[in-house]
Protein backbone atom coordinates (compact mmCIF):
# COMPACT_ATOMS: atom_id res chain seq x y z
CA MET A 1 -219.53 110.74 -19.98
CA PRO A 2 -220.09 112.51 -16.63
CA GLN A 3 -223.59 112.34 -15.30
CA LEU A 4 -225.32 115.39 -13.86
CA GLN A 5 -226.30 114.97 -10.24
CA LEU A 6 -229.01 117.05 -8.69
CA PRO A 7 -228.01 118.72 -5.43
CA ILE A 8 -230.39 116.70 -3.25
CA PHE A 9 -229.27 116.27 0.36
CA PRO A 10 -230.93 114.64 3.36
CA GLU A 11 -232.95 117.00 5.53
CA GLY A 12 -230.96 119.08 8.03
CA THR A 13 -227.60 118.93 6.25
CA THR A 14 -225.30 121.90 5.78
CA PRO A 15 -223.95 122.32 2.25
CA ILE A 16 -220.21 122.59 1.65
CA THR A 17 -220.54 122.81 -2.15
CA SER A 18 -223.41 122.04 -4.49
CA GLU A 19 -222.37 118.35 -4.41
CA LEU A 20 -221.11 117.91 -0.84
CA ALA A 21 -222.76 118.49 2.52
CA PHE A 22 -222.38 117.44 6.15
CA ASP A 23 -224.67 116.73 9.07
CA CYS A 24 -223.97 116.39 12.79
CA ARG A 25 -226.31 114.17 14.77
CA GLU A 26 -225.82 112.18 17.96
CA ASP A 27 -222.15 113.26 18.24
CA LYS A 28 -221.38 111.91 14.74
CA VAL A 29 -220.47 114.05 11.74
CA THR A 30 -221.51 112.52 8.43
CA TYR A 31 -220.43 113.83 5.03
CA PHE A 32 -222.71 113.37 2.02
CA ASN A 33 -222.15 113.37 -1.73
CA GLY A 34 -225.69 114.08 -2.83
CA HIS A 35 -227.83 111.76 -0.73
CA LEU A 36 -225.08 109.13 -0.20
CA PRO A 37 -222.96 109.18 2.99
CA VAL A 38 -219.24 109.05 2.15
CA PHE A 39 -217.46 109.52 5.49
CA GLN A 40 -218.27 109.67 9.19
CA HIS A 41 -216.34 110.55 12.36
CA ALA A 42 -217.04 111.45 15.97
CA ARG A 43 -217.88 115.10 16.61
CA ASP A 44 -214.79 115.60 18.76
CA ASP A 45 -212.39 113.65 16.49
CA LEU A 46 -210.36 116.60 15.28
CA ALA A 47 -207.73 114.50 13.50
CA ALA A 48 -210.36 112.75 11.33
CA PHE A 49 -211.99 116.10 10.53
CA ARG A 50 -208.67 117.61 9.48
CA LEU A 51 -207.79 114.54 7.44
CA PHE A 52 -211.05 114.36 5.52
CA THR A 53 -211.39 118.07 4.80
CA SER A 54 -207.74 118.22 3.66
CA GLN A 55 -208.33 115.22 1.44
CA LEU A 56 -211.34 116.94 -0.13
CA VAL A 57 -209.21 120.00 -0.91
CA VAL A 58 -206.26 118.02 -2.30
CA ASN A 59 -208.56 115.89 -4.48
CA GLY A 60 -210.11 119.04 -5.92
CA SER A 61 -213.60 118.27 -4.61
CA VAL A 62 -213.79 121.53 -2.65
CA GLY A 63 -211.83 124.75 -2.35
CA GLN A 64 -210.16 125.90 0.84
CA SER A 65 -212.66 128.75 1.05
CA ASP A 66 -215.53 126.23 0.98
CA ILE A 67 -214.14 124.55 4.11
CA VAL A 68 -213.64 127.94 5.79
CA ARG A 69 -217.20 128.98 5.00
CA ALA A 70 -218.89 125.71 5.96
CA PHE A 71 -217.03 124.97 9.20
CA HIS A 72 -216.04 128.48 10.35
CA VAL A 73 -212.34 127.66 10.69
CA PRO A 74 -209.51 130.06 9.84
CA LEU A 75 -208.04 129.86 6.35
CA ALA A 76 -204.52 129.56 7.79
CA THR A 77 -205.61 126.41 9.65
CA VAL A 78 -207.02 124.84 6.49
CA LYS A 79 -203.82 125.66 4.60
CA ARG A 80 -201.67 124.20 7.39
CA TYR A 81 -203.46 120.85 7.34
CA VAL A 82 -203.64 120.66 3.55
CA LYS A 83 -199.87 121.10 3.54
CA ARG A 84 -199.53 118.41 6.21
CA PHE A 85 -201.64 116.02 4.09
CA ARG A 86 -199.62 116.72 0.96
CA ASN A 87 -196.28 116.24 2.73
CA GLY A 88 -197.04 113.36 5.09
CA GLY A 89 -200.22 111.70 3.89
CA SER A 90 -203.07 110.51 6.07
CA LYS A 91 -200.81 108.97 8.74
CA SER A 92 -199.43 112.42 9.60
CA PHE A 93 -202.72 113.32 11.30
CA PHE A 94 -202.52 110.45 13.76
CA VAL A 95 -198.92 110.49 15.02
CA THR A 96 -198.29 111.78 18.51
CA PRO A 97 -196.29 115.00 18.49
CA ARG A 98 -192.70 114.75 19.63
CA ARG A 99 -192.02 116.45 22.93
CA ARG A 100 -188.76 118.01 23.92
CA SER A 101 -187.10 116.60 26.99
CA ALA A 102 -186.44 118.73 30.02
CA SER A 103 -183.26 120.59 29.17
CA VAL A 104 -182.99 122.51 32.44
CA LEU A 105 -184.00 119.85 34.96
CA LYS A 106 -181.48 117.13 34.37
CA GLY A 107 -179.06 115.26 36.58
CA GLU A 108 -177.72 117.26 39.50
CA VAL A 109 -180.21 120.15 39.18
CA LYS A 110 -183.15 117.76 39.24
CA GLU A 111 -181.75 115.93 42.28
CA GLN A 112 -181.18 119.22 44.13
CA ALA A 113 -184.70 120.39 43.30
CA GLN A 114 -186.22 117.17 44.61
CA ARG A 115 -184.09 117.31 47.76
CA LEU A 116 -185.22 120.90 48.47
CA LEU A 117 -188.86 120.05 47.79
CA ASP A 118 -188.57 117.07 50.16
CA GLU A 119 -187.32 119.47 52.85
CA GLY A 120 -190.61 121.33 52.53
CA ARG A 121 -189.36 124.35 50.61
CA SER A 122 -191.80 126.14 48.33
CA VAL A 123 -191.49 126.01 44.56
CA PRO A 124 -190.55 129.73 44.26
CA ASP A 125 -187.83 129.29 46.92
CA VAL A 126 -186.40 126.23 45.18
CA ALA A 127 -186.52 128.00 41.81
CA ALA A 128 -184.69 131.04 43.18
CA GLN A 129 -181.99 128.92 44.80
CA LEU A 130 -181.39 126.82 41.66
CA ASN A 131 -181.71 129.80 39.30
CA VAL A 132 -184.55 128.27 37.24
CA LEU A 133 -188.05 129.53 36.56
CA PRO A 134 -190.80 128.46 38.98
CA ASN A 135 -192.87 127.48 35.94
CA THR A 136 -190.18 124.92 35.02
CA LEU A 137 -190.56 123.26 38.40
CA HIS A 138 -194.37 123.34 38.23
CA LYS A 139 -194.28 121.63 34.82
CA ALA A 140 -191.95 118.95 36.14
CA ILE A 141 -194.26 118.34 39.11
CA ARG A 142 -197.31 118.07 36.83
CA ALA A 143 -195.44 115.71 34.50
CA GLY A 144 -194.37 113.51 37.42
CA ARG A 145 -190.63 114.15 37.02
CA LEU A 146 -190.60 115.84 40.44
CA TYR A 147 -192.72 115.21 43.51
CA GLN A 148 -193.92 117.90 45.88
CA PRO A 149 -194.90 116.53 49.29
CA LYS A 150 -198.19 117.76 50.70
CA LYS A 151 -197.91 120.36 53.45
CA ARG A 152 -199.26 119.32 56.80
CA ASN A 153 -201.60 121.63 58.70
CA TYR A 154 -201.00 121.38 62.45
């Protein structure tokens, strides 16, 4: 027989439902079922937040609108991560996203770009000569796939 639980929460908590609440202190977010803590994560640990709130929704402990109301996140975001939890489980929140490889800067084009940059040409000049976007070259430089020598001031 289910037992009735009074909605008693520790002081300073924010209710999610009449049974669940959360509190954020000292860069830790703690979730409570009544007065008992049930889960904790760092304030900036977005993956753990998404995992736990999605798990609450899937288990039927809260509704999606409860998460939206309590944490001020868009409904579409809550739906997206609930779907991710249902399809991939908890591990899906902690895998690194796959990145596409550079499809434009490969082989000969990459070598030509590096050769022109080594000659001291500017990124827009190199991009125009190779018929690629300057942004493509800037991304490759930031990612370390290309190197742009520092200009000397005489």
